[in-house]
C-alpha cells in the first residue's frame, strides 16, 4: 500500500522521550497515524514546516525552533519515514523520494496547514520542494539550506559516498552494521574545531541504535541520482523545474564549509535570482552552527 492509499489519518500523543533528550526537545510532539510520522508541533501563528535530511531527525532543528516559537510562529518539525521516531520500513527498496514527499503532504493535509513556509536542508530540500509542487496553494514561501532542489546536474557525477552506497554487501555492512553515516557527521561540518558536542552525537545515533532500524540512511543515500535511468531522476527533474519557475518568497542560507553541498550555492542562486542569499562559514549541518541565521531568514519569509 502506498502512502497515498492509507486509511483516514488520526493523531496520537507521541511517547515520552528518554531523559537525556527531554531538555533538548521540550515541545509538544504527536504522531500521525497510520503513517507513523512523528513530529513536533509547537507555538501559534503562521506555520513553518522544518524538514531534515539524511541521516538526521527533528533534533537537528532544536536550536532553530527555540528561536522561532517566541517570535509568534507555529513550528512543525517531522521525522521523515525511516528516521528519528517515525516508522522505519526495514526494506531499503521500500523507500523513494515520492514516498517521503507523500508522507509530508499527508501531514500538511491532516493539519490543514495554510500559507505554510517550508524549510528544507539536505534531502529535506527536495522533499519541501516536492510538497510545494503537490500543494502550491497551501505554501507561502521557501527557505533552502545546503541542499539540492534543481534538476540533477548532467553529466551525473555522484560523490564517493553515494557510489559506495550501491556496493553490494559492503554498503549494507557499513550502513546497517557499523552505523554509517551517523558516526561520521563531524566530517560533514568542514571545521574540525567546531565538532558536534557529546549530546548531539548521542542524539543522532539514538534512533538507529539497532541494526534493523538503519535502512533509511542507506536507502536515502541510494536515492541520489546516478544516471538518467535512476528511479529518482524523473521526479527530481520535475521538482527542479517547478522550483526554478516559482517566483514566491524564497531564501537560501548556506554553509560554505560544507564538503558535500557547499559549492551548490552558486548553481541555486543562478537558477533562483530572486532569492535572498545568506552565506555562512558553517558546514553541512548548519542548524548546529548558525541557527540564528536560519531563524532570521525564516522569519523574513514568514512576514513577506
Protein backbone atom coordinates (compact mmCIF):
# COMPACT_ATOMS: atom_id res chain seq x y z
CA UNK A 1 0.00 0.00 0.00
CA UNK A 2 1.42 3.43 -0.93
CA UNK A 3 1.29 6.45 1.36
CA UNK A 4 -1.45 7.96 -0.80
CA UNK A 5 -3.62 4.87 -0.30
CA UNK A 6 -3.51 4.80 3.50
CA UNK A 7 -6.75 4.97 5.52
CA UNK A 8 -8.04 8.14 7.14
CA UNK A 9 -5.43 9.79 9.34
CA UNK A 10 -5.59 10.48 13.04
CA UNK A 11 -3.28 11.94 15.67
CA UNK A 12 -1.83 10.40 18.82
CA UNK A 13 0.31 11.84 21.59
CA UNK A 14 3.92 10.81 21.00
CA UNK A 15 5.65 8.55 23.55
CA UNK A 16 7.87 10.18 26.13
CA UNK A 17 11.45 10.77 25.06
CA UNK A 18 14.37 9.31 27.01
CA UNK A 19 15.53 11.57 29.80
CA UNK A 20 18.71 12.73 28.06
CA UNK A 21 16.63 14.23 25.21
CA UNK A 22 13.80 15.81 27.18
CA UNK A 23 15.54 19.12 27.90
CA UNK A 24 16.74 19.45 24.29
CA UNK A 25 13.27 18.76 22.83
CA UNK A 26 10.78 20.13 25.36
CA UNK A 27 8.00 20.80 22.83
CA UNK A 28 4.70 19.10 22.13
CA UNK A 29 5.08 16.01 19.96
CA UNK A 30 2.45 13.99 18.14
CA UNK A 31 2.20 11.03 15.77
CA UNK A 32 0.25 10.94 12.52
CA UNK A 33 -1.38 7.52 12.18
CA UNK A 34 -1.46 5.18 10.36
CA UNK A 35 1.68 6.50 8.62
CA UNK A 36 3.65 6.59 11.85
CA UNK A 37 5.10 10.06 11.22
CA UNK A 38 6.32 11.65 14.47
CA UNK A 39 6.51 15.43 14.61
CA UNK A 40 6.99 18.42 16.87
CA UNK A 41 4.06 20.86 16.83
CA UNK A 42 4.68 23.93 18.96
CA UNK A 43 3.58 27.54 19.06
CA UNK A 44 0.84 29.59 17.45
CA UNK A 45 0.78 31.82 14.41
CA UNK A 46 1.94 31.43 10.80
CA UNK A 47 3.02 27.85 10.15
CA UNK A 48 6.63 26.88 9.49
CA UNK A 49 7.44 23.31 8.45
CA UNK A 50 11.05 22.23 9.06
CA UNK A 51 12.25 19.19 7.08
CA UNK A 52 15.54 17.44 7.82
CA UNK A 53 17.62 15.20 5.59
CA UNK A 54 19.88 12.15 5.81
CA UNK A 55 20.71 10.82 8.43
CA UNK A 56 19.23 13.27 10.94
CA UNK A 57 15.80 13.85 12.53
CA UNK A 58 13.87 16.72 14.10
CA UNK A 59 16.54 17.03 16.82
CA UNK A 60 18.61 18.82 14.17
CA UNK A 61 16.20 21.79 14.28
CA UNK A 62 16.10 22.25 18.07
CA UNK A 63 18.16 25.48 18.12
CA UNK A 64 16.10 26.96 15.28
CA UNK A 65 12.80 26.01 16.94
CA UNK A 66 13.90 27.67 20.18
CA UNK A 67 14.38 30.92 18.25
CA UNK A 68 11.18 30.73 16.20
CA UNK A 69 8.50 29.87 18.75
CA UNK A 70 8.98 33.05 20.85
CA UNK A 71 8.55 35.10 17.65
CA UNK A 72 4.92 34.06 17.26
CA UNK A 73 5.05 31.24 14.73
CA UNK A 74 3.78 27.68 14.79
CA UNK A 75 6.62 25.24 14.16
CA UNK A 76 6.04 21.74 12.79
CA UNK A 77 9.14 19.53 12.54
CA UNK A 78 8.52 15.96 11.36
CA UNK A 79 10.84 12.98 11.33
CA UNK A 80 10.92 11.56 7.80
CA UNK A 81 9.95 7.91 7.46
CA UNK A 82 12.93 5.78 8.37
CA UNK A 83 14.37 8.46 10.67
CA UNK A 84 14.01 9.69 14.22
CA UNK A 85 10.97 8.25 15.95
CA UNK A 86 8.92 7.79 12.76
CA UNK A 87 8.18 4.30 11.48
CA UNK A 88 11.19 2.62 9.87
CA UNK A 89 10.47 0.23 7.00
CA UNK A 90 13.18 -2.43 7.06
CA UNK A 91 13.48 -2.98 3.30
CA UNK A 92 15.67 -0.46 1.51
CA UNK A 93 13.59 -0.96 -1.64
CA UNK A 94 10.52 0.42 0.18
CA UNK A 95 11.92 3.93 0.19
CA UNK A 96 11.54 6.50 -2.56
CA UNK A 97 11.58 10.27 -2.88
CA UNK A 98 7.88 10.14 -3.71
CA UNK A 99 7.15 8.21 -0.51
CA UNK A 100 8.81 10.87 1.64
CA UNK A 101 7.01 13.69 -0.15
CA UNK A 102 3.64 11.95 0.09
CA UNK A 103 4.08 11.42 3.84
CA UNK A 104 4.78 15.12 4.44
CA UNK A 105 1.91 16.12 2.14
CA UNK A 106 -0.34 13.86 4.22
CA UNK A 107 0.83 15.69 7.34
CA UNK A 108 0.17 19.11 5.76
CA UNK A 109 -3.31 17.99 4.75
CA UNK A 110 -4.12 16.39 8.10
CA UNK A 111 -3.04 19.53 9.96
CA UNK A 112 -4.94 21.68 7.43
CA UNK A 113 -1.96 24.00 7.10
CA UNK A 114 -2.34 27.15 5.01
CA UNK A 115 0.25 29.75 3.97
CA UNK A 116 2.97 27.49 5.33
CA UNK A 117 6.64 28.37 4.99
CA UNK A 118 8.61 25.25 4.02
CA UNK A 119 12.20 24.90 5.18
CA UNK A 120 14.45 22.10 3.93
CA UNK A 121 18.07 21.04 4.33
CA UNK A 122 19.87 18.13 2.62
CA UNK A 123 17.13 15.71 1.42
CA UNK A 124 14.68 17.99 3.21
CA UNK A 125 15.11 20.47 0.34
CA UNK A 126 13.69 18.29 -2.46
CA UNK A 127 11.06 16.94 -0.07
CA UNK A 128 9.99 20.51 0.78
CA UNK A 129 10.04 21.46 -2.90
CA UNK A 130 8.01 18.35 -3.71
CA UNK A 131 5.43 19.35 -1.11
CA UNK A 132 5.25 22.83 -2.65
CA UNK A 133 4.72 21.26 -6.08
CA UNK A 134 1.99 18.97 -4.74
CA UNK A 135 0.20 21.65 -2.70
CA UNK A 136 1.12 25.04 -4.21
CA UNK A 137 -1.97 26.82 -2.86
CA UNK A 138 -1.02 25.90 0.71
CA UNK A 139 2.55 27.25 0.52
CA UNK A 140 3.64 30.79 1.31
CA UNK A 141 7.39 30.53 0.72
CA UNK A 142 10.58 28.51 0.93
CA UNK A 143 13.85 28.57 2.83
CA UNK A 144 16.51 26.21 1.49
CA UNK A 145 19.77 25.36 3.22
CA UNK A 146 22.65 23.21 1.95
CA UNK A 147 20.52 21.11 -0.33
CA UNK A 148 19.86 20.42 -3.99
CA UNK A 149 16.40 21.11 -5.39
CA UNK A 150 17.29 21.69 -9.04
CA UNK A 151 17.27 19.04 -11.77
CA UNK A 152 20.28 16.78 -11.20
CA UNK A 153 23.35 18.15 -12.96
CA UNK A 154 24.47 16.40 -16.12
CA UNK A 155 26.72 14.54 -16.59
CA UNK A 156 25.97 12.61 -13.41
CA UNK A 157 28.92 12.69 -11.03
CA UNK A 158 27.86 11.05 -7.77
CA UNK A 159 30.19 11.54 -4.83
CA UNK A 160 32.21 8.62 -3.49
CA UNK A 161 29.79 8.30 -0.56
CA UNK A 162 26.84 7.73 -2.87
CA UNK A 163 28.76 5.41 -5.18
CA UNK A 164 29.75 3.34 -2.16
CA UNK A 165 26.12 3.06 -1.04
CA UNK A 166 25.46 0.91 -4.14
CA UNK A 167 28.29 -1.55 -3.50
CA UNK A 168 26.65 -4.90 -2.66
CA UNK A 169 27.26 -6.40 0.79
CA UNK A 170 29.86 -3.81 1.83
CA UNK A 171 27.39 -0.94 1.88
CA UNK A 172 24.88 -2.99 3.88
CA UNK A 173 27.61 -3.89 6.35
CA UNK A 174 28.77 -0.29 6.71
CA UNK A 175 25.31 1.30 6.98
CA UNK A 176 23.40 -1.39 8.87
CA UNK A 177 26.23 -2.98 10.82
CA UNK A 178 28.58 -0.07 11.57
CA UNK A 179 26.09 2.81 11.62
CA UNK A 180 27.36 4.82 8.66
CA UNK A 181 26.95 7.77 8.27
CA UNK A 182 25.68 8.61 11.76
CA UNK A 183 29.13 8.01 13.23
CA UNK A 184 30.77 10.36 10.73
CA UNK A 185 28.69 13.54 10.97
CA UNK A 186 31.65 15.66 12.10
CA UNK A 187 33.28 15.08 8.71
CA UNK A 188 30.40 16.91 7.04
CA UNK A 189 30.92 20.04 9.13
CA UNK A 190 34.12 21.05 7.37
CA UNK A 191 35.51 22.60 10.54
CA UNK A 192 37.20 20.24 12.94
CA UNK A 193 37.33 22.94 15.61
CA UNK A 194 33.52 23.04 15.79
CA UNK A 195 32.59 19.39 16.13
CA UNK A 196 29.24 18.22 17.38
CA UNK A 197 29.02 18.07 21.15
CA UNK A 198 28.50 14.85 23.08
CA UNK A 199 24.73 15.35 23.38
CA UNK A 200 24.33 15.83 19.64
CA UNK A 201 26.43 12.79 18.75
CA UNK A 202 24.42 10.64 21.14
CA UNK A 203 21.11 12.07 19.91
CA UNK A 204 21.82 11.41 16.23
CA UNK A 205 22.78 7.81 16.96
CA UNK A 206 19.90 7.09 19.32
CA UNK A 207 17.12 6.46 16.70
CA UNK A 208 19.43 3.97 14.95
CA UNK A 209 20.73 2.06 17.94
CA UNK A 210 19.56 -1.27 16.46
CA UNK A 211 20.81 -2.52 13.11
CA UNK A 212 17.32 -3.24 11.75
CA UNK A 213 16.45 0.47 12.19
CA UNK A 214 19.14 1.63 9.74
CA UNK A 215 17.56 1.03 6.35
CA UNK A 216 16.55 4.69 5.96
CA UNK A 217 20.03 6.22 5.77
CA UNK A 218 21.18 3.58 3.28
CA UNK A 219 18.03 4.00 1.19
CA UNK A 220 18.33 7.79 1.02
CA UNK A 221 21.98 7.54 0.02
CA UNK A 222 20.99 5.22 -2.82
CA UNK A 223 18.20 7.60 -3.91
CA UNK A 224 20.72 10.22 -5.05
CA UNK A 225 20.54 10.04 -8.88
CA UNK A 226 23.46 8.41 -10.65
CA UNK A 227 22.05 8.16 -14.19
CA UNK A 228 19.07 9.04 -16.40
CA UNK A 229 17.61 5.62 -15.59
CA UNK A 230 17.86 6.08 -11.82
CA UNK A 231 14.40 5.88 -10.18
CA UNK A 232 14.78 9.34 -8.58
CA UNK A 233 15.83 11.24 -11.71
CA UNK A 234 12.49 11.94 -13.37
CA UNK A 235 10.78 13.16 -10.19
CA UNK A 236 13.73 15.34 -9.16
CA UNK A 237 13.79 16.82 -12.66
CA UNK A 238 10.09 17.71 -12.32
CA UNK A 239 10.57 19.18 -8.84
CA UNK A 240 13.56 21.20 -10.02
CA UNK A 241 11.63 22.58 -12.97
CA UNK A 242 8.79 23.63 -10.69
CA UNK A 243 11.09 25.43 -8.25
CA UNK A 244 13.06 27.18 -10.99
CA UNK A 245 9.78 28.60 -12.33
CA UNK A 246 8.43 29.61 -8.90
CA UNK A 247 8.51 33.29 -8.01
CA UNK A 248 7.25 33.13 -4.45
CA UNK A 249 9.26 34.28 -1.41
CA UNK A 250 12.46 32.27 -1.12
CA UNK A 251 15.73 32.49 0.80
CA UNK A 252 18.94 30.49 0.55
CA UNK A 253 21.01 30.02 3.71
CA UNK A 254 24.28 28.22 3.07
CA UNK A 255 27.20 26.80 4.97
CA UNK A 256 30.18 27.35 2.68
CA UNK A 257 32.42 24.90 4.54
CA UNK A 258 30.13 22.01 3.67
CA UNK A 259 32.22 19.46 1.72
CA UNK A 260 29.04 17.86 0.34
CA UNK A 261 26.89 20.72 -0.94
CA UNK A 262 28.81 23.89 -0.15
CA UNK A 263 29.55 24.54 -3.82
CA UNK A 264 25.90 24.04 -4.81
CA UNK A 265 25.01 27.55 -3.69
CA UNK A 266 26.14 29.22 -6.93
CA UNK A 267 24.03 26.94 -9.11
CA UNK A 268 20.96 27.54 -6.96
CA UNK A 269 21.40 31.32 -6.87
CA UNK A 270 21.72 31.46 -10.65
CA UNK A 271 18.54 29.41 -11.04
CA UNK A 272 16.71 31.41 -8.34
CA UNK A 273 17.87 35.01 -8.89
CA UNK A 274 15.03 36.41 -6.80
CA UNK A 275 16.26 34.58 -3.69
CA UNK A 276 17.97 36.42 -0.88
CA UNK A 277 21.23 34.66 0.00
CA UNK A 278 22.87 34.33 3.41
CA UNK A 279 26.39 32.90 3.28
CA UNK A 280 27.90 31.47 6.46
CA UNK A 281 31.09 29.66 7.43
CA UNK A 282 29.12 26.66 8.72
CA UNK A 283 29.30 23.08 7.48
CA UNK A 284 26.64 20.76 6.13
CA UNK A 285 24.52 20.67 9.31
CA UNK A 286 24.37 24.43 9.63
CA UNK A 287 21.43 24.18 12.05
CA UNK A 288 24.03 23.22 14.66
CA UNK A 289 26.32 26.16 13.94
CA UNK A 290 24.26 29.10 12.70
CA UNK A 291 20.66 28.59 13.93
CA UNK A 292 20.21 32.34 14.34
CA UNK A 293 20.87 32.94 10.62
CA UNK A 294 18.33 30.30 9.67
CA UNK A 295 15.74 31.67 12.08
CA UNK A 296 16.17 35.20 10.72
CA UNK A 297 15.74 34.01 7.15
CA UNK A 298 12.65 32.00 8.04
CA UNK A 299 11.06 34.96 9.83
CA UNK A 300 11.75 37.23 6.86
CA UNK A 301 9.91 34.82 4.55
CA UNK A 302 7.05 34.37 7.04
CA UNK A 303 6.45 38.13 7.19
CA UNK A 304 6.94 38.80 3.46
